[in-house]
PDB file of N, CA and C in Angstrom:
ATOM      1  N   MET A   1      -4.811 -10.680  -8.071  1.00  0.00           N
ATOM      2  CA  MET A   1      -5.459  -9.205  -6.797  1.00  0.00           C
ATOM      3  C   MET A   1      -4.975  -7.820  -6.174  1.00  0.00           C
ATOM      4  N   LEU A   2      -5.305  -6.984  -6.081  1.00  0.00           N
ATOM      5  CA  LEU A   2      -4.754  -5.986  -5.975  1.00  0.00           C
ATOM      6  C   LEU A   2      -4.776  -5.309  -4.425  1.00  0.00           C
ATOM      7  N   ILE A   3      -3.987  -4.661  -3.796  1.00  0.00           N
ATOM      8  CA  ILE A   3      -4.431  -4.246  -2.479  1.00  0.00           C
ATOM      9  C   ILE A   3      -3.590  -3.175  -1.912  1.00  0.00           C
ATOM     10  N   VAL A   4      -4.194  -1.751  -1.622  1.00  0.00           N
ATOM     11  CA  VAL A   4      -3.842  -0.970  -1.846  1.00  0.00           C
ATOM     12  C   VAL A   4      -3.332  -0.134  -0.626  1.00  0.00           C
ATOM     13  N   THR A   5      -2.709   0.055   0.065  1.00  0.00           N
ATOM     14  CA  THR A   5      -2.457   0.752   1.049  1.00  0.00           C
ATOM     15  C   THR A   5      -1.904   2.604   1.661  1.00  0.00           C
ATOM     16  N   PRO A   6      -3.101   3.430   1.967  1.00  0.00           N
ATOM     17  CA  PRO A   6      -2.377   4.114   1.636  1.00  0.00           C
ATOM     18  C   PRO A   6      -1.855   4.864   2.978  1.00  0.00           C
ATOM     19  N   THR A   7      -0.512   5.512   3.235  1.00  0.00           N
ATOM     20  CA  THR A   7      -0.518   5.771   4.495  1.00  0.00           C
ATOM     21  C   THR A   7       0.375   6.765   4.713  1.00  0.00           C
ATOM     22  N   LEU A   8       1.189   8.036   5.851  1.00  0.00           N
ATOM     23  CA  LEU A   8       1.525   8.284   5.576  1.00  0.00           C
ATOM     24  C   LEU A   8       3.091   8.135   6.084  1.00  0.00           C
ATOM     25  N   GLY A   9       2.822   7.125   6.556  1.00  0.00           N
ATOM     26  CA  GLY A   9       4.374   6.216   6.781  1.00  0.00           C
ATOM     27  C   GLY A   9       4.843   6.573   8.174  1.00  0.00           C
ATOM     28  N   ARG A  10       4.082   7.094   8.815  1.00  0.00           N
ATOM     29  CA  ARG A  10       3.774   7.251  10.651  1.00  0.00           C
ATOM     30  C   ARG A  10       2.950   5.943  11.400  1.00  0.00           C
ATOM     31  N   SER A  11       2.451   5.256  10.525  1.00  0.00           N
ATOM     32  CA  SER A  11       1.743   4.545  11.550  1.00  0.00           C
ATOM     33  C   SER A  11       2.623   3.317  12.295  1.00  0.00           C
ATOM     34  N   PRO A  12       2.067   3.390  13.580  1.00  0.00           N
ATOM     35  CA  PRO A  12       3.300   2.334  14.146  1.00  0.00           C
ATOM     36  C   PRO A  12       2.374   1.094  13.508  1.00  0.00           C
ATOM     37  N   TYR A  13       0.943   0.739  13.320  1.00  0.00           N
ATOM     38  CA  TYR A  13       0.908  -0.315  13.345  1.00  0.00           C
ATOM     39  C   TYR A  13       1.089  -0.719  11.601  1.00  0.00           C
ATOM     40  N   LEU A  14       1.444  -0.517  10.750  1.00  0.00           N
ATOM     41  CA  LEU A  14       2.122  -0.505   9.447  1.00  0.00           C
ATOM     42  C   LEU A  14       2.834  -1.673   9.340  1.00  0.00           C
ATOM     43  N   ASN A  15       3.674  -2.824  10.035  1.00  0.00           N
ATOM     44  CA  ASN A  15       4.632  -3.511   9.871  1.00  0.00           C
ATOM     45  C   ASN A  15       3.350  -4.550  10.420  1.00  0.00           C
ATOM     46  N   GLU A  16       2.425  -4.449  11.007  1.00  0.00           N
ATOM     47  CA  GLU A  16       1.258  -5.456  11.094  1.00  0.00           C
ATOM     48  C   GLU A  16       0.481  -5.519   9.906  1.00  0.00           C
ATOM     49  N   THR A  17       0.641  -4.442   8.915  1.00  0.00           N
ATOM     50  CA  THR A  17      -0.563  -4.450   7.700  1.00  0.00           C
ATOM     51  C   THR A  17       0.006  -5.004   7.091  1.00  0.00           C
ATOM     52  N   VAL A  18       1.058  -4.820   6.561  1.00  0.00           N
ATOM     53  CA  VAL A  18       2.168  -5.242   5.352  1.00  0.00           C
ATOM     54  C   VAL A  18       2.525  -7.037   5.458  1.00  0.00           C
ATOM     55  N   GLU A  19       2.796  -7.372   6.431  1.00  0.00           N
ATOM     56  CA  GLU A  19       2.660  -9.027   7.267  1.00  0.00           C
ATOM     57  C   GLU A  19       1.898  -9.588   7.131  1.00  0.00           C
ATOM     58  N   SER A  20       0.585  -8.436   7.423  1.00  0.00           N
ATOM     59  CA  SER A  20      -0.735  -9.532   7.322  1.00  0.00           C
ATOM     60  C   SER A  20      -0.980  -9.984   5.767  1.00  0.00           C
ATOM     61  N   VAL A  21      -0.737  -8.743   4.605  1.00  0.00           N
ATOM     62  CA  VAL A  21      -0.847  -9.541   3.771  1.00  0.00           C
ATOM     63  C   VAL A  21      -0.297 -10.151   3.105  1.00  0.00           C
ATOM     64  N   GLN A  22       1.186 -10.208   3.298  1.00  0.00           N
ATOM     65  CA  GLN A  22       1.666 -11.463   2.979  1.00  0.00           C
ATOM     66  C   GLN A  22       1.653 -12.578   3.286  1.00  0.00           C
ATOM     67  N   ARG A  23       1.627 -12.543   4.645  1.00  0.00           N
ATOM     68  CA  ARG A  23       0.595 -14.340   5.145  1.00  0.00           C
ATOM     69  C   ARG A  23      -0.681 -14.562   4.592  1.00  0.00           C
ATOM     70  N   ALA A  24      -1.589 -13.478   4.630  1.00  0.00           N
ATOM     71  CA  ALA A  24      -3.150 -14.303   3.956  1.00  0.00           C
ATOM     72  C   ALA A  24      -2.799 -14.014   2.578  1.00  0.00           C
ATOM     73  N   CYS A  25      -2.187 -13.300   1.757  1.00  0.00           N
ATOM     74  CA  CYS A  25      -2.773 -12.993  -0.059  1.00  0.00           C
ATOM     75  C   CYS A  25      -0.867 -13.055  -0.539  1.00  0.00           C
ATOM     76  N   SER A  26      -0.356 -13.864  -0.192  1.00  0.00           N
ATOM     77  CA  SER A  26       1.149 -13.930  -0.746  1.00  0.00           C
ATOM     78  C   SER A  26       0.898 -13.803  -2.117  1.00  0.00           C
ATOM     79  N   ASN A  27       0.244 -14.009  -2.892  1.00  0.00           N
ATOM     80  CA  ASN A  27       0.310 -14.000  -5.105  1.00  0.00           C
ATOM     81  C   ASN A  27      -0.091 -12.533  -4.913  1.00  0.00           C
ATOM     82  N   ALA A  28      -0.603 -11.585  -4.018  1.00  0.00           N
ATOM     83  CA  ALA A  28      -0.942 -10.136  -4.286  1.00  0.00           C
ATOM     84  C   ALA A  28      -0.401 -10.063  -4.681  1.00  0.00           C
ATOM     85  N   THR A  29      -0.707  -8.302  -5.342  1.00  0.00           N
ATOM     86  CA  THR A  29       0.532  -7.504  -5.324  1.00  0.00           C
ATOM     87  C   THR A  29      -0.023  -6.115  -4.534  1.00  0.00           C
ATOM     88  N   HIS A  30       0.849  -5.883  -3.693  1.00  0.00           N
ATOM     89  CA  HIS A  30       0.369  -5.029  -2.755  1.00  0.00           C
ATOM     90  C   HIS A  30       1.609  -3.553  -2.970  1.00  0.00           C
ATOM     91  N   VAL A  31       0.239  -2.509  -3.243  1.00  0.00           N
ATOM     92  CA  VAL A  31       0.800  -1.534  -3.142  1.00  0.00           C
ATOM     93  C   VAL A  31       0.902  -0.413  -2.175  1.00  0.00           C
ATOM     94  N   ILE A  32       2.165  -0.112  -1.333  1.00  0.00           N
ATOM     95  CA  ILE A  32       2.134   1.541  -0.318  1.00  0.00           C
ATOM     96  C   ILE A  32       2.151   2.836  -1.306  1.00  0.00           C
ATOM     97  N   VAL A  33       1.250   3.357  -0.671  1.00  0.00           N
ATOM     98  CA  VAL A  33       1.057   4.796  -1.350  1.00  0.00           C
ATOM     99  C   VAL A  33       1.380   5.629  -0.131  1.00  0.00           C
ATOM    100  N   CYS A  34       2.208   6.721  -0.677  1.00  0.00           N
ATOM    101  CA  CYS A  34       2.860   7.543   0.565  1.00  0.00           C
ATOM    102  C   CYS A  34       3.718   8.807  -0.166  1.00  0.00           C
ATOM    103  N   PRO A  35       3.718   9.733   0.729  1.00  0.00           N
ATOM    104  CA  PRO A  35       3.946  11.444   0.207  1.00  0.00           C
ATOM    105  C   PRO A  35       5.660  10.859   0.198  1.00  0.00           C
ATOM    106  N   GLU A  36       6.095  11.821  -1.004  1.00  0.00           N
ATOM    107  CA  GLU A  36       7.548  11.547  -1.545  1.00  0.00           C
ATOM    108  C   GLU A  36       8.282  11.935  -0.467  1.00  0.00           C
ATOM    109  N   GLY A  37       8.451  12.609   0.721  1.00  0.00           N
ATOM    110  CA  GLY A  37       9.240  11.725   1.577  1.00  0.00           C
ATOM    111  C   GLY A  37       9.622  10.672   1.964  1.00  0.00           C
ATOM    112  N   GLU A  38       8.607   9.610   2.214  1.00  0.00           N
ATOM    113  CA  GLU A  38       8.219   8.167   2.593  1.00  0.00           C
ATOM    114  C   GLU A  38       9.154   7.764   1.765  1.00  0.00           C
ATOM    115  N   CYS A  39       8.830   7.992   0.679  1.00  0.00           N
ATOM    116  CA  CYS A  39       8.894   6.834  -0.289  1.00  0.00           C
ATOM    117  C   CYS A  39      10.569   5.146  -0.153  1.00  0.00           C
ATOM    118  N   ASP A  40      11.458   6.649   0.092  1.00  0.00           N
ATOM    119  CA  ASP A  40      13.167   5.942  -0.188  1.00  0.00           C
ATOM    120  C   ASP A  40      12.799   4.727   1.420  1.00  0.00           C
ATOM    121  N   GLN A  41      12.319   5.339   2.462  1.00  0.00           N
ATOM    122  CA  GLN A  41      12.555   5.007   3.730  1.00  0.00           C
ATOM    123  C   GLN A  41      11.613   3.394   3.696  1.00  0.00           C
ATOM    124  N   LEU A  42      10.543   3.888   3.319  1.00  0.00           N
ATOM    125  CA  LEU A  42       9.727   2.608   3.144  1.00  0.00           C
ATOM    126  C   LEU A  42       9.561   1.665   2.176  1.00  0.00           C
ATOM    127  N   GLY A  43      10.124   1.612   0.792  1.00  0.00           N
ATOM    128  CA  GLY A  43      10.843   0.960   0.186  1.00  0.00           C
ATOM    129  C   GLY A  43      11.878  -0.065   0.525  1.00  0.00           C
ATOM    130  N   LYS A  44      12.540   0.520   1.496  1.00  0.00           N
ATOM    131  CA  LYS A  44      13.933  -0.113   1.978  1.00  0.00           C
ATOM    132  C   LYS A  44      13.247  -0.949   2.795  1.00  0.00           C
ATOM    133  N   ARG A  45      12.434  -0.704   3.678  1.00  0.00           N
ATOM    134  CA  ARG A  45      11.474  -1.398   5.023  1.00  0.00           C
ATOM    135  C   ARG A  45      10.634  -2.114   4.224  1.00  0.00           C
ATOM    136  N   TYR A  46      10.192  -2.323   3.571  1.00  0.00           N
ATOM    137  CA  TYR A  46       8.867  -3.428   2.214  1.00  0.00           C
ATOM    138  C   TYR A  46       9.337  -3.804   1.201  1.00  0.00           C
ATOM    139  N   PRO A  47      10.637  -4.910   1.184  1.00  0.00           N
ATOM    140  CA  PRO A  47      10.926  -5.001  -0.357  1.00  0.00           C
ATOM    141  C   PRO A  47      10.275  -5.539  -1.142  1.00  0.00           C
ATOM    142  N   ARG A  48       9.366  -6.365  -0.638  1.00  0.00           N
ATOM    143  CA  ARG A  48       8.075  -7.433  -1.334  1.00  0.00           C
ATOM    144  C   ARG A  48       6.657  -6.947  -1.877  1.00  0.00           C
ATOM    145  N   THR A  49       6.941  -4.783  -1.326  1.00  0.00           N
ATOM    146  CA  THR A  49       5.914  -3.950  -2.038  1.00  0.00           C
ATOM    147  C   THR A  49       5.931  -3.160  -2.759  1.00  0.00           C
ATOM    148  N   MET A  50       4.992  -2.938  -3.813  1.00  0.00           N
ATOM    149  CA  MET A  50       5.636  -1.792  -4.684  1.00  0.00           C
ATOM    150  C   MET A  50       5.019  -0.364  -4.016  1.00  0.00           C
ATOM    151  N   VAL A  51       6.117   0.604  -3.847  1.00  0.00           N
ATOM    152  CA  VAL A  51       6.240   1.884  -2.735  1.00  0.00           C
ATOM    153  C   VAL A  51       5.587   2.906  -4.079  1.00  0.00           C
ATOM    154  N   VAL A  52       4.659   3.182  -3.882  1.00  0.00           N
ATOM    155  CA  VAL A  52       4.794   4.501  -5.205  1.00  0.00           C
ATOM    156  C   VAL A  52       4.808   6.116  -4.068  1.00  0.00           C
ATOM    157  N   GLN A  53       4.611   6.748  -5.034  1.00  0.00           N
ATOM    158  CA  GLN A  53       4.559   8.317  -4.169  1.00  0.00           C
ATOM    159  C   GLN A  53       3.133   8.986  -4.114  1.00  0.00           C
ATOM    160  N   GLU A  54       2.763   9.740  -2.955  1.00  0.00           N
ATOM    161  CA  GLU A  54       1.089   9.972  -4.294  1.00  0.00           C
ATOM    162  C   GLU A  54       1.539  11.506  -5.187  1.00  0.00           C
ATOM    163  N   ALA A  55       0.875  11.606  -5.919  1.00  0.00           N
ATOM    164  CA  ALA A  55       0.727  12.306  -7.085  1.00  0.00           C
ATOM    165  C   ALA A  55       0.198  13.449  -6.913  1.00  0.00           C
ATOM    166  N   GLY A  56       0.455  14.685  -7.836  1.00  0.00           N
ATOM    167  CA  GLY A  56       0.314  15.622  -7.592  1.00  0.00           C
ATOM    168  C   GLY A  56      -1.159  16.242  -7.091  1.00  0.00           C
ATOM    169  N   GLY A  57      -2.569  15.825  -8.393  1.00  0.00           N
ATOM    170  CA  GLY A  57      -3.601  15.864  -7.770  1.00  0.00           C
ATOM    171  C   GLY A  57      -4.265  15.231  -6.958  1.00  0.00           C
ATOM    172  N   LYS A  58      -3.403  14.259  -6.283  1.00  0.00           N
ATOM    173  CA  LYS A  58      -4.559  12.783  -5.987  1.00  0.00           C
ATOM    174  C   LYS A  58      -4.247  12.510  -4.043  1.00  0.00           C
ATOM    175  N   ARG A  59      -4.152  13.929  -3.460  1.00  0.00           N
ATOM    176  CA  ARG A  59      -3.728  13.802  -1.816  1.00  0.00           C
ATOM    177  C   ARG A  59      -4.624  13.185  -1.262  1.00  0.00           C
ATOM    178  N   GLY A  60      -4.980  12.538  -0.359  1.00  0.00           N
ATOM    179  CA  GLY A  60      -5.711  12.218   0.861  1.00  0.00           C
ATOM    180  C   GLY A  60      -5.464  10.633   0.573  1.00  0.00           C
ATOM    181  N   MET A  61      -6.547   9.852   0.949  1.00  0.00           N
ATOM    182  CA  MET A  61      -6.853   8.480   1.398  1.00  0.00           C
ATOM    183  C   MET A  61      -7.720   8.257  -0.328  1.00  0.00           C
ATOM    184  N   TYR A  62      -8.264   8.867  -0.860  1.00  0.00           N
ATOM    185  CA  TYR A  62      -8.973   8.277  -2.048  1.00  0.00           C
ATOM    186  C   TYR A  62      -8.407   8.747  -3.074  1.00  0.00           C
ATOM    187  N   GLY A  63      -7.482   9.586  -2.984  1.00  0.00           N
ATOM    188  CA  GLY A  63      -6.536  10.079  -4.179  1.00  0.00           C
ATOM    189  C   GLY A  63      -5.647   9.346  -3.989  1.00  0.00           C
ATOM    190  N   ALA A  64      -5.076   8.135  -3.003  1.00  0.00           N
ATOM    191  CA  ALA A  64      -3.563   7.499  -2.519  1.00  0.00           C
ATOM    192  C   ALA A  64      -4.413   6.324  -3.095  1.00  0.00           C
ATOM    193  N   ILE A  65      -5.504   6.019  -2.825  1.00  0.00           N
ATOM    194  CA  ILE A  65      -5.915   4.559  -3.632  1.00  0.00           C
ATOM    195  C   ILE A  65      -6.558   4.551  -4.981  1.00  0.00           C
ATOM    196  N   ASN A  66      -6.634   5.926  -5.533  1.00  0.00           N
ATOM    197  CA  ASN A  66      -7.042   6.211  -7.083  1.00  0.00           C
ATOM    198  C   ASN A  66      -5.218   5.686  -7.767  1.00  0.00           C
ATOM    199  N   GLN A  67      -4.027   6.613  -7.266  1.00  0.00           N
ATOM    200  CA  GLN A  67      -2.809   6.581  -7.265  1.00  0.00           C
ATOM    201  C   GLN A  67      -2.801   4.886  -7.986  1.00  0.00           C
ATOM    202  N   GLY A  68      -2.769   4.153  -6.364  1.00  0.00           N
ATOM    203  CA  GLY A  68      -2.398   2.589  -5.982  1.00  0.00           C
ATOM    204  C   GLY A  68      -3.109   1.985  -7.337  1.00  0.00           C
ATOM    205  N   LEU A  69      -4.117   1.789  -7.168  1.00  0.00           N
ATOM    206  CA  LEU A  69      -5.093   1.817  -8.718  1.00  0.00           C
ATOM    207  C   LEU A  69      -4.796   1.752  -9.870  1.00  0.00           C
ATOM    208  N   GLU A  70      -3.498   2.919 -10.047  1.00  0.00           N
ATOM    209  CA  GLU A  70      -3.036   3.318 -11.314  1.00  0.00           C
ATOM    210  C   GLU A  70      -2.009   2.358 -11.861  1.00  0.00           C
ATOM    211  N   SER A  71      -1.052   2.590 -10.893  1.00  0.00           N
ATOM    212  CA  SER A  71       0.252   1.655 -10.016  1.00  0.00           C
ATOM    213  C   SER A  71       0.496   0.437 -10.116  1.00  0.00           C
ATOM    214  N   GLY A  72      -0.834  -0.279 -10.208  1.00  0.00           N
ATOM    215  CA  GLY A  72      -0.659  -1.875  -9.825  1.00  0.00           C
ATOM    216  C   GLY A  72      -0.268  -2.442 -10.837  1.00  0.00           C
ATOM    217  N   GLY A  73      -0.765  -2.162 -11.870  1.00  0.00           N
ATOM    218  CA  GLY A  73      -0.872  -3.266 -13.243  1.00  0.00           C
ATOM    219  C   GLY A  73      -2.029  -3.972 -13.659  1.00  0.00           C
ATOM    220  N   THR A  74      -2.132  -5.210 -14.116  1.00  0.00           N
ATOM    221  CA  THR A  74      -3.612  -5.612 -14.232  1.00  0.00           C
ATOM    222  C   THR A  74      -3.669  -6.155 -13.489  1.00  0.00           C
ATOM    223  N   PHE A  75      -5.412  -6.266 -12.856  1.00  0.00           N
ATOM    224  CA  PHE A  75      -5.682  -7.687 -11.546  1.00  0.00           C
ATOM    225  C   PHE A  75      -6.921  -7.545 -12.390  1.00  0.00           C
ATOM    226  N   ASP A  76      -7.697  -8.447 -11.113  1.00  0.00           N
ATOM    227  CA  ASP A  76      -8.994  -8.917 -11.388  1.00  0.00           C
ATOM    228  C   ASP A  76     -10.194  -8.283 -10.047  1.00  0.00           C
ATOM    229  N   TRP A  77      -9.536  -8.338  -9.140  1.00  0.00           N
ATOM    230  CA  TRP A  77     -10.167  -8.224  -7.686  1.00  0.00           C
ATOM    231  C   TRP A  77      -8.741  -7.349  -7.096  1.00  0.00           C
ATOM    232  N   PHE A  78      -9.766  -6.122  -6.227  1.00  0.00           N
ATOM    233  CA  PHE A  78      -8.432  -4.852  -5.540  1.00  0.00           C
ATOM    234  C   PHE A  78      -9.491  -4.868  -4.210  1.00  0.00           C
ATOM    235  N   THR A  79      -8.555  -4.404  -3.111  1.00  0.00           N
ATOM    236  CA  THR A  79      -9.396  -3.951  -1.635  1.00  0.00           C
ATOM    237  C   THR A  79      -8.599  -2.687  -1.515  1.00  0.00           C
ATOM    238  N   TYR A  80      -8.394  -2.133  -0.506  1.00  0.00           N
ATOM    239  CA  TYR A  80      -7.614  -0.986   0.400  1.00  0.00           C
ATOM    240  C   TYR A  80      -7.367  -1.349   1.419  1.00  0.00           C
ATOM    241  N   LEU A  81      -6.157  -1.373   2.525  1.00  0.00           N
ATOM    242  CA  LEU A  81      -6.405  -1.743   3.562  1.00  0.00           C
ATOM    243  C   LEU A  81      -5.862  -0.685   3.906  1.00  0.00           C
ATOM    244  N   ASN A  82      -6.281  -0.287   5.110  1.00  0.00           N
ATOM    245  CA  ASN A  82      -5.351   1.413   5.961  1.00  0.00           C
ATOM    246  C   ASN A  82      -4.435   0.730   7.007  1.00  0.00           C
ATOM    247  N   ASP A  83      -3.529   1.342   6.780  1.00  0.00           N
ATOM    248  CA  ASP A  83      -1.893   1.308   7.536  1.00  0.00           C
ATOM    249  C   ASP A  83      -2.333   1.143   8.793  1.00  0.00           C
ATOM    250  N   ASP A  84      -3.824   0.826   9.456  1.00  0.00           N
ATOM    251  CA  ASP A  84      -3.861   0.513  11.192  1.00  0.00           C
ATOM    252  C   ASP A  84      -4.598  -0.534  11.511  1.00  0.00           C
ATOM    253  N   ASP A  85      -4.533  -1.397   9.551  1.00  0.00           N
ATOM    254  CA  ASP A  85      -5.948  -2.973   9.915  1.00  0.00           C
ATOM    255  C   ASP A  85      -4.709  -3.905   9.234  1.00  0.00           C
ATOM    256  N   ARG A  86      -5.263  -4.752   9.324  1.00  0.00           N
ATOM    257  CA  ARG A  86      -4.826  -6.282   9.616  1.00  0.00           C
ATOM    258  C   ARG A  86      -5.817  -6.759   7.861  1.00  0.00           C
ATOM    259  N   LEU A  87      -4.860  -7.554   7.317  1.00  0.00           N
ATOM    260  CA  LEU A  87      -5.602  -8.771   6.263  1.00  0.00           C
ATOM    261  C   LEU A  87      -5.654  -9.653   7.375  1.00  0.00           C
ATOM    262  N   GLU A  88      -7.275 -10.832   7.481  1.00  0.00           N
ATOM    263  CA  GLU A  88      -6.738 -12.337   8.124  1.00  0.00           C
ATOM    264  C   GLU A  88      -7.553 -12.938   6.769  1.00  0.00           C
ATOM    265  N   PRO A  89      -7.384 -14.086   7.013  1.00  0.00           N
ATOM    266  CA  PRO A  89      -8.158 -15.141   5.938  1.00  0.00           C
ATOM    267  C   PRO A  89      -9.520 -15.428   6.191  1.00  0.00           C
TER     268      PRO A  89
END
């Protein structure tokens, strides 16, 4: 399973989002897609997630989701989770 979280990196709820994915779907691939200036700090903050940069023409939430889909490898199912939501069992 692939879970994509588009973010600007400033959501006060992002920690809860990431922790909920790790609790509910520990075997999922979680991809955080963010602007270039946020990648390093988010990668350090969330070492168990894949952090990728927004791609040139793929801006905004749906552009970030598409970037996450391209970066997430092989998967049977995917969803996206906003950076102010939680995934619960």
